[in-house]
Amino acid sequence: MKRFQNPFVELAIQIARGSADFLKKDLVAAVSAVKDEQVRVAFQEANRKAASALTTMPHGWSGEKLPKASLDFALGEEKFRRFLAQTELVDLPPEKILRSEWRN
C-alpha cells in the first residue's frame, strides 16, 4: 500500500490536475458547436487562463504545501464530521473514509 504524506493535499493536487484536463479537452469539445465568434473567443481566453492556473497550482502545492501539511483537521474533527454529515450526507468518521479511499 502506498504511504501518503498528506492525503488531503494529494487529493487536491489530483483534483486540480483532473480539472485542468477536463477544461483542456472535454469542455473545449463540449462548446465547439458555439457559433458566436465573440462568445467563443471569450470562452477560449477564460478557459486557457483557468486551465493554466489549474495546471501550475499543483506544482506549488507539491513543493510548498505538501511537506508542511499535517493530518490535523483545520476545522477540528467534530466540526469536520458535522460538515460531512450536513453537506455530503456522510456519517463515517474521517479516518475511515481515508482508509477506504487510499487502500488501492
N, C-alpha and C. Protein backbone atom coordinates (compact mmCIF):
# COMPACT_ATOMS: atom_id res chain seq x y z
N MET A 1 0.84 -1.18 0.00
CA MET A 1 0.00 0.00 0.00
C MET A 1 0.89 1.25 0.00
N LYS A 2 0.54 2.21 -0.85
CA LYS A 2 1.30 3.44 -0.92
C LYS A 2 1.08 4.26 0.34
N ARG A 3 2.13 4.81 0.88
CA ARG A 3 2.05 5.67 2.07
C ARG A 3 1.96 7.11 1.60
N PHE A 4 0.92 7.81 2.01
CA PHE A 4 0.70 9.18 1.58
C PHE A 4 1.22 10.14 2.63
N GLN A 5 1.84 11.22 2.16
CA GLN A 5 2.33 12.25 3.05
C GLN A 5 1.16 12.97 3.69
N ASN A 6 0.24 13.44 2.88
CA ASN A 6 -0.99 14.05 3.36
C ASN A 6 -2.06 13.81 2.32
N PRO A 7 -2.99 12.94 2.60
CA PRO A 7 -3.98 12.57 1.59
C PRO A 7 -4.85 13.73 1.14
N PHE A 8 -5.09 14.71 2.00
CA PHE A 8 -5.94 15.83 1.60
C PHE A 8 -5.25 16.70 0.55
N VAL A 9 -3.99 17.00 0.78
CA VAL A 9 -3.24 17.82 -0.19
C VAL A 9 -3.04 17.03 -1.47
N GLU A 10 -2.72 15.76 -1.35
CA GLU A 10 -2.53 14.93 -2.54
C GLU A 10 -3.83 14.80 -3.34
N LEU A 11 -4.95 14.71 -2.65
CA LEU A 11 -6.23 14.66 -3.34
C LEU A 11 -6.51 15.98 -4.06
N ALA A 12 -6.21 17.10 -3.41
CA ALA A 12 -6.39 18.41 -4.04
C ALA A 12 -5.53 18.53 -5.30
N ILE A 13 -4.33 18.00 -5.25
CA ILE A 13 -3.44 18.01 -6.42
C ILE A 13 -4.05 17.19 -7.54
N GLN A 14 -4.54 16.00 -7.23
CA GLN A 14 -5.17 15.15 -8.25
C GLN A 14 -6.41 15.81 -8.84
N ILE A 15 -7.21 16.45 -7.99
CA ILE A 15 -8.42 17.11 -8.47
C ILE A 15 -8.06 18.27 -9.39
N ALA A 16 -7.06 19.06 -9.03
CA ALA A 16 -6.65 20.18 -9.88
C ALA A 16 -6.16 19.68 -11.23
N ARG A 17 -5.37 18.63 -11.22
CA ARG A 17 -4.86 18.09 -12.49
C ARG A 17 -6.01 17.55 -13.35
N GLY A 18 -6.94 16.85 -12.73
CA GLY A 18 -8.08 16.33 -13.48
C GLY A 18 -8.97 17.44 -14.00
N SER A 19 -9.14 18.49 -13.21
CA SER A 19 -9.95 19.63 -13.65
C SER A 19 -9.29 20.35 -14.82
N ALA A 20 -7.98 20.50 -14.77
CA ALA A 20 -7.27 21.12 -15.89
C ALA A 20 -7.43 20.30 -17.15
N ASP A 21 -7.33 19.00 -17.02
CA ASP A 21 -7.52 18.12 -18.16
C ASP A 21 -8.94 18.24 -18.72
N PHE A 22 -9.93 18.31 -17.84
CA PHE A 22 -11.32 18.49 -18.26
C PHE A 22 -11.48 19.79 -19.04
N LEU A 23 -10.90 20.87 -18.53
CA LEU A 23 -11.02 22.16 -19.22
C LEU A 23 -10.36 22.13 -20.59
N LYS A 24 -9.20 21.51 -20.66
CA LYS A 24 -8.45 21.50 -21.92
C LYS A 24 -9.08 20.62 -22.99
N LYS A 25 -9.74 19.55 -22.57
CA LYS A 25 -10.25 18.58 -23.55
C LYS A 25 -11.77 18.57 -23.61
N ASP A 26 -12.39 18.07 -22.57
CA ASP A 26 -13.84 17.83 -22.59
C ASP A 26 -14.66 19.11 -22.75
N LEU A 27 -14.31 20.14 -21.99
CA LEU A 27 -15.10 21.36 -22.07
C LEU A 27 -14.93 22.04 -23.42
N VAL A 28 -13.71 22.02 -23.94
CA VAL A 28 -13.48 22.60 -25.28
C VAL A 28 -14.33 21.87 -26.31
N ALA A 29 -14.35 20.56 -26.23
CA ALA A 29 -15.16 19.78 -27.17
C ALA A 29 -16.65 20.07 -27.00
N ALA A 30 -17.08 20.25 -25.75
CA ALA A 30 -18.50 20.47 -25.48
C ALA A 30 -19.00 21.81 -26.03
N VAL A 31 -18.14 22.80 -26.09
CA VAL A 31 -18.58 24.11 -26.58
C VAL A 31 -18.12 24.39 -28.01
N SER A 32 -17.60 23.38 -28.66
CA SER A 32 -17.09 23.59 -30.02
C SER A 32 -18.18 23.98 -31.01
N ALA A 33 -19.42 23.67 -30.69
CA ALA A 33 -20.52 23.98 -31.61
C ALA A 33 -21.03 25.42 -31.47
N VAL A 34 -20.49 26.17 -30.52
CA VAL A 34 -20.93 27.56 -30.35
C VAL A 34 -20.59 28.35 -31.60
N LYS A 35 -21.59 29.00 -32.15
CA LYS A 35 -21.41 29.72 -33.43
C LYS A 35 -20.96 31.17 -33.23
N ASP A 36 -21.32 31.78 -32.11
CA ASP A 36 -21.00 33.18 -31.86
C ASP A 36 -19.49 33.34 -31.65
N GLU A 37 -18.84 34.00 -32.59
CA GLU A 37 -17.38 34.14 -32.55
C GLU A 37 -16.91 34.89 -31.30
N GLN A 38 -17.62 35.92 -30.91
CA GLN A 38 -17.24 36.71 -29.74
C GLN A 38 -17.32 35.86 -28.47
N VAL A 39 -18.37 35.09 -28.36
CA VAL A 39 -18.53 34.21 -27.20
C VAL A 39 -17.44 33.14 -27.21
N ARG A 40 -17.17 32.57 -28.37
CA ARG A 40 -16.15 31.52 -28.47
C ARG A 40 -14.77 32.06 -28.09
N VAL A 41 -14.42 33.26 -28.55
CA VAL A 41 -13.12 33.86 -28.23
C VAL A 41 -13.03 34.15 -26.73
N ALA A 42 -14.09 34.71 -26.15
CA ALA A 42 -14.10 34.99 -24.71
C ALA A 42 -13.96 33.70 -23.91
N PHE A 43 -14.68 32.66 -24.33
CA PHE A 43 -14.57 31.37 -23.65
C PHE A 43 -13.15 30.83 -23.74
N GLN A 44 -12.57 30.84 -24.92
CA GLN A 44 -11.23 30.28 -25.11
C GLN A 44 -10.20 30.98 -24.23
N GLU A 45 -10.30 32.30 -24.12
CA GLU A 45 -9.35 33.04 -23.28
C GLU A 45 -9.55 32.71 -21.80
N ALA A 46 -10.79 32.72 -21.35
CA ALA A 46 -11.06 32.40 -19.95
C ALA A 46 -10.69 30.95 -19.64
N ASN A 47 -11.00 30.06 -20.55
CA ASN A 47 -10.70 28.64 -20.35
C ASN A 47 -9.19 28.41 -20.32
N ARG A 48 -8.46 29.10 -21.18
CA ARG A 48 -7.00 28.96 -21.20
C ARG A 48 -6.40 29.40 -19.87
N LYS A 49 -6.88 30.53 -19.35
CA LYS A 49 -6.37 31.03 -18.06
C LYS A 49 -6.69 30.06 -16.92
N ALA A 50 -7.92 29.56 -16.91
CA ALA A 50 -8.32 28.63 -15.85
C ALA A 50 -7.52 27.33 -15.92
N ALA A 51 -7.37 26.79 -17.12
CA ALA A 51 -6.61 25.55 -17.29
C ALA A 51 -5.15 25.74 -16.91
N SER A 52 -4.61 26.89 -17.26
CA SER A 52 -3.21 27.18 -16.92
C SER A 52 -3.03 27.27 -15.40
N ALA A 53 -3.96 27.94 -14.74
CA ALA A 53 -3.87 28.04 -13.28
C ALA A 53 -3.98 26.67 -12.62
N LEU A 54 -4.91 25.86 -13.11
CA LEU A 54 -5.08 24.52 -12.52
C LEU A 54 -3.91 23.60 -12.85
N THR A 55 -3.19 23.90 -13.90
CA THR A 55 -2.01 23.10 -14.25
C THR A 55 -0.82 23.49 -13.39
N THR A 56 -0.65 24.78 -13.11
CA THR A 56 0.52 25.23 -12.37
C THR A 56 0.35 25.17 -10.85
N MET A 57 -0.87 25.29 -10.35
CA MET A 57 -1.09 25.27 -8.89
C MET A 57 -0.54 24.02 -8.22
N PRO A 58 -0.79 22.85 -8.74
CA PRO A 58 -0.29 21.66 -8.04
C PRO A 58 1.23 21.62 -7.87
N HIS A 59 1.97 22.28 -8.76
CA HIS A 59 3.43 22.31 -8.60
C HIS A 59 3.80 23.02 -7.29
N GLY A 60 3.13 24.13 -7.01
CA GLY A 60 3.37 24.84 -5.76
C GLY A 60 2.92 24.05 -4.56
N TRP A 61 1.79 23.39 -4.70
CA TRP A 61 1.30 22.58 -3.58
C TRP A 61 2.25 21.43 -3.28
N SER A 62 2.77 20.79 -4.32
CA SER A 62 3.69 19.67 -4.12
C SER A 62 4.97 20.13 -3.44
N GLY A 63 5.49 21.28 -3.87
CA GLY A 63 6.76 21.75 -3.35
C GLY A 63 6.67 22.48 -2.03
N GLU A 64 5.58 23.24 -1.82
CA GLU A 64 5.48 24.07 -0.63
C GLU A 64 4.51 23.52 0.41
N LYS A 65 3.31 23.22 0.00
CA LYS A 65 2.26 22.85 0.95
C LYS A 65 2.37 21.41 1.44
N LEU A 66 2.65 20.50 0.54
CA LEU A 66 2.65 19.09 0.92
C LEU A 66 3.67 18.78 2.02
N PRO A 67 4.91 19.26 1.93
CA PRO A 67 5.86 18.94 3.00
C PRO A 67 5.47 19.53 4.37
N LYS A 68 4.72 20.63 4.36
CA LYS A 68 4.34 21.30 5.61
C LYS A 68 2.98 20.85 6.15
N ALA A 69 2.23 20.13 5.34
CA ALA A 69 0.87 19.76 5.72
C ALA A 69 0.87 18.73 6.83
N SER A 70 -0.13 18.84 7.69
CA SER A 70 -0.29 17.85 8.74
C SER A 70 -1.64 17.17 8.56
N LEU A 71 -1.87 16.14 9.30
CA LEU A 71 -3.15 15.45 9.21
C LEU A 71 -4.17 15.99 10.20
N ASP A 72 -3.84 17.09 10.87
CA ASP A 72 -4.82 17.72 11.75
C ASP A 72 -5.93 18.31 10.91
N PHE A 73 -7.15 18.18 11.38
CA PHE A 73 -8.28 18.74 10.65
C PHE A 73 -8.37 20.23 10.98
N ALA A 74 -8.36 21.06 9.95
CA ALA A 74 -8.38 22.51 10.13
C ALA A 74 -9.60 22.96 10.91
N LEU A 75 -10.73 22.33 10.71
CA LEU A 75 -11.95 22.70 11.40
C LEU A 75 -12.04 22.05 12.78
N GLY A 76 -11.21 21.12 13.03
CA GLY A 76 -11.38 20.28 14.20
C GLY A 76 -12.22 19.09 13.78
N GLU A 77 -11.98 17.97 14.39
CA GLU A 77 -12.64 16.75 13.93
C GLU A 77 -14.16 16.83 14.04
N GLU A 78 -14.67 17.36 15.15
CA GLU A 78 -16.12 17.38 15.33
C GLU A 78 -16.82 18.27 14.30
N LYS A 79 -16.28 19.44 14.03
CA LYS A 79 -16.86 20.32 13.02
C LYS A 79 -16.77 19.69 11.64
N PHE A 80 -15.65 19.00 11.38
CA PHE A 80 -15.49 18.35 10.08
C PHE A 80 -16.51 17.22 9.92
N ARG A 81 -16.77 16.48 10.98
CA ARG A 81 -17.79 15.41 10.93
C ARG A 81 -19.18 16.01 10.63
N ARG A 82 -19.49 17.12 11.29
CA ARG A 82 -20.78 17.78 11.03
C ARG A 82 -20.84 18.29 9.60
N PHE A 83 -19.74 18.84 9.12
CA PHE A 83 -19.66 19.31 7.74
C PHE A 83 -19.95 18.17 6.78
N LEU A 84 -19.30 17.03 6.97
CA LEU A 84 -19.54 15.87 6.10
C LEU A 84 -20.99 15.41 6.17
N ALA A 85 -21.53 15.37 7.37
CA ALA A 85 -22.91 14.90 7.54
C ALA A 85 -23.91 15.85 6.89
N GLN A 86 -23.70 17.14 7.05
CA GLN A 86 -24.67 18.12 6.55
C GLN A 86 -24.53 18.41 5.06
N THR A 87 -23.33 18.36 4.54
CA THR A 87 -23.13 18.73 3.13
C THR A 87 -23.01 17.54 2.20
N GLU A 88 -22.51 16.43 2.70
CA GLU A 88 -22.28 15.26 1.85
C GLU A 88 -23.12 14.05 2.26
N LEU A 89 -23.88 14.20 3.36
CA LEU A 89 -24.69 13.11 3.90
C LEU A 89 -23.84 11.88 4.22
N VAL A 90 -22.64 12.13 4.72
CA VAL A 90 -21.70 11.08 5.09
C VAL A 90 -21.60 11.04 6.60
N ASP A 91 -21.86 9.87 7.17
CA ASP A 91 -21.78 9.75 8.63
C ASP A 91 -20.60 8.89 9.10
N LEU A 92 -19.66 8.66 8.22
CA LEU A 92 -18.46 7.90 8.58
C LEU A 92 -17.42 8.82 9.18
N PRO A 93 -16.60 8.32 10.10
CA PRO A 93 -15.51 9.14 10.63
C PRO A 93 -14.48 9.42 9.53
N PRO A 94 -13.86 10.59 9.55
CA PRO A 94 -12.88 10.94 8.51
C PRO A 94 -11.78 9.90 8.34
N GLU A 95 -11.32 9.31 9.44
CA GLU A 95 -10.24 8.31 9.34
C GLU A 95 -10.67 7.11 8.52
N LYS A 96 -11.92 6.69 8.69
CA LYS A 96 -12.42 5.53 7.95
C LYS A 96 -12.55 5.85 6.46
N ILE A 97 -12.97 7.06 6.16
CA ILE A 97 -13.07 7.49 4.76
C ILE A 97 -11.69 7.45 4.12
N LEU A 98 -10.70 7.98 4.81
CA LEU A 98 -9.34 8.00 4.26
C LEU A 98 -8.79 6.59 4.07
N ARG A 99 -9.02 5.72 5.05
CA ARG A 99 -8.51 4.35 4.94
C ARG A 99 -9.12 3.65 3.74
N SER A 100 -10.42 3.83 3.52
CA SER A 100 -11.05 3.15 2.39
C SER A 100 -10.64 3.77 1.06
N GLU A 101 -10.46 5.08 1.01
CA GLU A 101 -10.10 5.76 -0.23
C GLU A 101 -8.69 5.42 -0.68
N TRP A 102 -7.76 5.38 0.24
CA TRP A 102 -6.35 5.22 -0.13
C TRP A 102 -5.89 3.77 -0.07
N ARG A 103 -6.80 2.84 0.08
CA ARG A 103 -6.44 1.43 0.18
C ARG A 103 -5.74 0.94 -1.07
N ASN A 104 -6.12 1.41 -2.23
CA ASN A 104 -5.56 0.91 -3.50
C ASN A 104 -4.18 1.38 -3.74
